């Protein structure tokens, strides 16, 4: 998944989420900070939320069953993986993958995990701090090699 795929995914889920929450087009447009006309155009697949609008929709409606079922839970990791692609950041501590995660490998206390729904990967340290996230396993494995060699 890349930003373009994420935006398309969120565009496609917009009307479903609006319906799930029982919102009119007027109310949903106000929540997202867009015009009703723009919302209608997005729902008709004539316009797009774009990156910022997609992140806003995912954040505001993070408890949506539609989004959680389609992505395996919290969209934060997906947004972070896409937003920080090619950028090194200090990620906060996680729960260690107790839910939604499959461990791919464990080496010297570091592990590579894959989300069972979104299919993105992450590296966790011994204290379950996220060190890196990506949708490309080869990238994650390269970063893991660098970590283990330092």
C-alpha atoms as a PDB file:
ATOM      1  CA  UNK A   1       0.000   0.000   0.000  1.00  0.00           C
ATOM      2  CA  UNK A   2       1.160   3.512  -0.772  1.00  0.00           C
ATOM      3  CA  UNK A   3      -0.402   6.927  -0.117  1.00  0.00           C
ATOM      4  CA  UNK A   4      -2.362   6.766  -3.367  1.00  0.00           C
ATOM      5  CA  UNK A   5      -3.846   3.367  -2.394  1.00  0.00           C
ATOM      6  CA  UNK A   6      -4.675   4.640   1.099  1.00  0.00           C
ATOM      7  CA  UNK A   7      -6.451   7.701  -0.310  1.00  0.00           C
ATOM      8  CA  UNK A   8      -8.458   5.533  -2.720  1.00  0.00           C
ATOM      9  CA  UNK A   9      -9.356   3.177   0.147  1.00  0.00           C
ATOM     10  CA  UNK A  10     -10.569   6.073   2.314  1.00  0.00           C
ATOM     11  CA  UNK A  11     -12.497   7.624  -0.599  1.00  0.00           C
ATOM     12  CA  UNK A  12     -14.295   4.300  -1.055  1.00  0.00           C
ATOM     13  CA  UNK A  13     -15.108   4.001   2.668  1.00  0.00           C
ATOM     14  CA  UNK A  14     -16.366   7.580   3.129  1.00  0.00           C
ATOM     15  CA  UNK A  15     -20.051   6.934   2.391  1.00  0.00           C
ATOM     16  CA  UNK A  16     -20.046   3.663   4.349  1.00  0.00           C
ATOM     17  CA  UNK A  17     -18.600   5.402   7.401  1.00  0.00           C
ATOM     18  CA  UNK A  18     -21.074   8.273   7.062  1.00  0.00           C
ATOM     19  CA  UNK A  19     -23.911   5.750   6.948  1.00  0.00           C
ATOM     20  CA  UNK A  20     -22.443   3.719   9.836  1.00  0.00           C
ATOM     21  CA  UNK A  21     -22.503   6.841  12.024  1.00  0.00           C
ATOM     22  CA  UNK A  22     -25.959   7.906  10.791  1.00  0.00           C
ATOM     23  CA  UNK A  23     -24.701  11.246   9.494  1.00  0.00           C
ATOM     24  CA  UNK A  24     -26.221  13.371   6.773  1.00  0.00           C
ATOM     25  CA  UNK A  25     -23.997  14.682   4.015  1.00  0.00           C
ATOM     26  CA  UNK A  26     -24.214  18.149   5.594  1.00  0.00           C
ATOM     27  CA  UNK A  27     -23.031  16.880   8.986  1.00  0.00           C
ATOM     28  CA  UNK A  28     -20.249  14.707   7.548  1.00  0.00           C
ATOM     29  CA  UNK A  29     -18.995  17.588   5.396  1.00  0.00           C
ATOM     30  CA  UNK A  30     -18.921  19.860   8.451  1.00  0.00           C
ATOM     31  CA  UNK A  31     -17.032  17.259  10.491  1.00  0.00           C
ATOM     32  CA  UNK A  32     -14.396  16.865   7.752  1.00  0.00           C
ATOM     33  CA  UNK A  33     -14.202  20.587   7.037  1.00  0.00           C
ATOM     34  CA  UNK A  34     -15.228  20.283   3.403  1.00  0.00           C
ATOM     35  CA  UNK A  35     -18.255  21.509   1.475  1.00  0.00           C
ATOM     36  CA  UNK A  36     -21.284  19.306   0.974  1.00  0.00           C
ATOM     37  CA  UNK A  37     -20.700  19.638  -2.784  1.00  0.00           C
ATOM     38  CA  UNK A  38     -17.152  18.254  -2.398  1.00  0.00           C
ATOM     39  CA  UNK A  39     -18.421  15.411  -0.204  1.00  0.00           C
ATOM     40  CA  UNK A  40     -21.005  14.466  -2.829  1.00  0.00           C
ATOM     41  CA  UNK A  41     -18.335  14.542  -5.554  1.00  0.00           C
ATOM     42  CA  UNK A  42     -16.110  12.237  -3.469  1.00  0.00           C
ATOM     43  CA  UNK A  43     -18.985   9.835  -2.818  1.00  0.00           C
ATOM     44  CA  UNK A  44     -19.663   9.764  -6.574  1.00  0.00           C
ATOM     45  CA  UNK A  45     -15.963   9.034  -7.239  1.00  0.00           C
ATOM     46  CA  UNK A  46     -15.462  12.336  -9.071  1.00  0.00           C
ATOM     47  CA  UNK A  47     -13.133  13.900  -6.486  1.00  0.00           C
ATOM     48  CA  UNK A  48     -10.864  12.657  -3.723  1.00  0.00           C
ATOM     49  CA  UNK A  49     -10.269  13.378  -0.059  1.00  0.00           C
ATOM     50  CA  UNK A  50      -6.554  13.587  -0.758  1.00  0.00           C
ATOM     51  CA  UNK A  51      -3.912  12.688   1.833  1.00  0.00           C
ATOM     52  CA  UNK A  52      -4.942  15.217   4.487  1.00  0.00           C
ATOM     53  CA  UNK A  53      -8.640  14.459   4.178  1.00  0.00           C
ATOM     54  CA  UNK A  54      -7.996  10.723   4.281  1.00  0.00           C
ATOM     55  CA  UNK A  55      -5.894  11.041   7.432  1.00  0.00           C
ATOM     56  CA  UNK A  56      -8.596  13.236   8.979  1.00  0.00           C
ATOM     57  CA  UNK A  57     -11.320  10.711   8.142  1.00  0.00           C
ATOM     58  CA  UNK A  58      -9.248   7.828   9.544  1.00  0.00           C
ATOM     59  CA  UNK A  59      -8.432   9.780  12.707  1.00  0.00           C
ATOM     60  CA  UNK A  60     -11.873  11.194  13.429  1.00  0.00           C
ATOM     61  CA  UNK A  61     -13.604   7.885  12.741  1.00  0.00           C
ATOM     62  CA  UNK A  62     -10.914   5.618  14.182  1.00  0.00           C
ATOM     63  CA  UNK A  63     -13.572   3.643  16.081  1.00  0.00           C
ATOM     64  CA  UNK A  64     -15.452   2.776  12.886  1.00  0.00           C
ATOM     65  CA  UNK A  65     -16.156  -0.937  12.686  1.00  0.00           C
ATOM     66  CA  UNK A  66     -15.924  -0.633   8.896  1.00  0.00           C
ATOM     67  CA  UNK A  67     -12.361   0.717   9.124  1.00  0.00           C
ATOM     68  CA  UNK A  68     -11.296  -1.626  11.908  1.00  0.00           C
ATOM     69  CA  UNK A  69     -12.602  -4.711  10.082  1.00  0.00           C
ATOM     70  CA  UNK A  70     -10.973  -3.657   6.807  1.00  0.00           C
ATOM     71  CA  UNK A  71      -7.571  -2.839   8.316  1.00  0.00           C
ATOM     72  CA  UNK A  72      -7.206  -5.042  11.376  1.00  0.00           C
ATOM     73  CA  UNK A  73      -7.632  -2.371  13.985  1.00  0.00           C
ATOM     74  CA  UNK A  74      -5.920   0.944  14.512  1.00  0.00           C
ATOM     75  CA  UNK A  75      -5.088   2.837  11.317  1.00  0.00           C
ATOM     76  CA  UNK A  76      -2.373   4.801  13.085  1.00  0.00           C
ATOM     77  CA  UNK A  77       0.370   2.343  12.118  1.00  0.00           C
ATOM     78  CA  UNK A  78      -0.680   2.453   8.481  1.00  0.00           C
ATOM     79  CA  UNK A  79      -0.716   6.260   8.465  1.00  0.00           C
ATOM     80  CA  UNK A  80       2.668   6.361  10.203  1.00  0.00           C
ATOM     81  CA  UNK A  81       4.198   3.846   7.782  1.00  0.00           C
ATOM     82  CA  UNK A  82       3.002   5.913   4.827  1.00  0.00           C
ATOM     83  CA  UNK A  83       3.766   9.338   6.288  1.00  0.00           C
ATOM     84  CA  UNK A  84       7.282   8.494   7.471  1.00  0.00           C
ATOM     85  CA  UNK A  85       8.356   6.475   4.463  1.00  0.00           C
ATOM     86  CA  UNK A  86      12.063   7.196   3.970  1.00  0.00           C
ATOM     87  CA  UNK A  87      12.190   9.235   7.216  1.00  0.00           C
ATOM     88  CA  UNK A  88      13.806   8.048  10.461  1.00  0.00           C
ATOM     89  CA  UNK A  89      11.695   8.770  13.546  1.00  0.00           C
ATOM     90  CA  UNK A  90      11.613   7.721  17.200  1.00  0.00           C
ATOM     91  CA  UNK A  91       8.363   5.789  17.559  1.00  0.00           C
ATOM     92  CA  UNK A  92       6.601   5.398  20.933  1.00  0.00           C
ATOM     93  CA  UNK A  93       6.236   2.069  22.770  1.00  0.00           C
ATOM     94  CA  UNK A  94       3.560  -0.383  21.514  1.00  0.00           C
ATOM     95  CA  UNK A  95       1.732  -3.299  23.162  1.00  0.00           C
ATOM     96  CA  UNK A  96       4.093  -5.704  21.460  1.00  0.00           C
ATOM     97  CA  UNK A  97       1.707  -7.129  18.876  1.00  0.00           C
ATOM     98  CA  UNK A  98      -0.662  -8.975  21.161  1.00  0.00           C
ATOM     99  CA  UNK A  99      -3.517  -8.332  18.726  1.00  0.00           C
ATOM    100  CA  UNK A 100      -3.549  -8.237  14.915  1.00  0.00           C
ATOM    101  CA  UNK A 101       0.164  -9.000  14.521  1.00  0.00           C
ATOM    102  CA  UNK A 102       2.093 -12.054  13.343  1.00  0.00           C
ATOM    103  CA  UNK A 103       5.738 -12.302  14.302  1.00  0.00           C
ATOM    104  CA  UNK A 104       7.869 -12.904  11.201  1.00  0.00           C
ATOM    105  CA  UNK A 105      11.244 -13.133  12.946  1.00  0.00           C
ATOM    106  CA  UNK A 106      12.932 -12.630  16.323  1.00  0.00           C
ATOM    107  CA  UNK A 107      16.632 -11.814  16.570  1.00  0.00           C
ATOM    108  CA  UNK A 108      18.527 -10.635  19.641  1.00  0.00           C
ATOM    109  CA  UNK A 109      15.356  -9.266  21.235  1.00  0.00           C
ATOM    110  CA  UNK A 110      14.195  -7.400  18.110  1.00  0.00           C
ATOM    111  CA  UNK A 111      11.259  -8.680  16.110  1.00  0.00           C
ATOM    112  CA  UNK A 112       9.678  -8.108  12.743  1.00  0.00           C
ATOM    113  CA  UNK A 113       5.898  -8.313  12.782  1.00  0.00           C
ATOM    114  CA  UNK A 114       3.264  -8.122  10.069  1.00  0.00           C
ATOM    115  CA  UNK A 115      -0.248  -6.788  10.562  1.00  0.00           C
ATOM    116  CA  UNK A 116      -2.695  -9.546   9.616  1.00  0.00           C
ATOM    117  CA  UNK A 117      -5.080  -7.170   7.865  1.00  0.00           C
ATOM    118  CA  UNK A 118      -3.200  -4.261   6.347  1.00  0.00           C
ATOM    119  CA  UNK A 119      -0.153  -6.510   5.699  1.00  0.00           C
ATOM    120  CA  UNK A 120       2.361  -3.800   6.682  1.00  0.00           C
ATOM    121  CA  UNK A 121       5.467  -4.653   8.683  1.00  0.00           C
ATOM    122  CA  UNK A 122       7.167  -3.144  11.701  1.00  0.00           C
ATOM    123  CA  UNK A 123      10.261  -3.685  13.827  1.00  0.00           C
ATOM    124  CA  UNK A 124       9.940  -3.688  17.623  1.00  0.00           C
ATOM    125  CA  UNK A 125      12.780  -3.491  20.134  1.00  0.00           C
ATOM    126  CA  UNK A 126      13.059  -5.444  23.405  1.00  0.00           C
ATOM    127  CA  UNK A 127      10.666  -3.023  25.124  1.00  0.00           C
ATOM    128  CA  UNK A 128       8.115  -3.064  22.270  1.00  0.00           C
ATOM    129  CA  UNK A 129       9.036   0.362  20.904  1.00  0.00           C
ATOM    130  CA  UNK A 130       8.325   0.621  17.203  1.00  0.00           C
ATOM    131  CA  UNK A 131      11.601   1.349  15.423  1.00  0.00           C
ATOM    132  CA  UNK A 132      10.485   1.201  11.814  1.00  0.00           C
ATOM    133  CA  UNK A 133       7.370   0.524   9.726  1.00  0.00           C
ATOM    134  CA  UNK A 134       6.903  -0.183   6.028  1.00  0.00           C
ATOM    135  CA  UNK A 135       4.791  -2.140   3.583  1.00  0.00           C
ATOM    136  CA  UNK A 136       7.923  -3.611   2.003  1.00  0.00           C
ATOM    137  CA  UNK A 137       9.416  -6.583   3.836  1.00  0.00           C
ATOM    138  CA  UNK A 138      12.790  -6.175   2.128  1.00  0.00           C
ATOM    139  CA  UNK A 139      13.061  -2.627   3.505  1.00  0.00           C
ATOM    140  CA  UNK A 140      12.210  -3.843   6.993  1.00  0.00           C
ATOM    141  CA  UNK A 141      14.751  -6.657   6.763  1.00  0.00           C
ATOM    142  CA  UNK A 142      17.460  -4.191   5.637  1.00  0.00           C
ATOM    143  CA  UNK A 143      16.737  -1.907   8.586  1.00  0.00           C
ATOM    144  CA  UNK A 144      16.769  -4.948  10.881  1.00  0.00           C
ATOM    145  CA  UNK A 145      20.239  -5.894   9.567  1.00  0.00           C
ATOM    146  CA  UNK A 146      21.474  -2.361  10.233  1.00  0.00           C
ATOM    147  CA  UNK A 147      20.072  -2.470  13.777  1.00  0.00           C
ATOM    148  CA  UNK A 148      21.672  -5.834  14.505  1.00  0.00           C
ATOM    149  CA  UNK A 149      25.044  -4.755  13.092  1.00  0.00           C
ATOM    150  CA  UNK A 150      25.223  -1.626  15.294  1.00  0.00           C
END
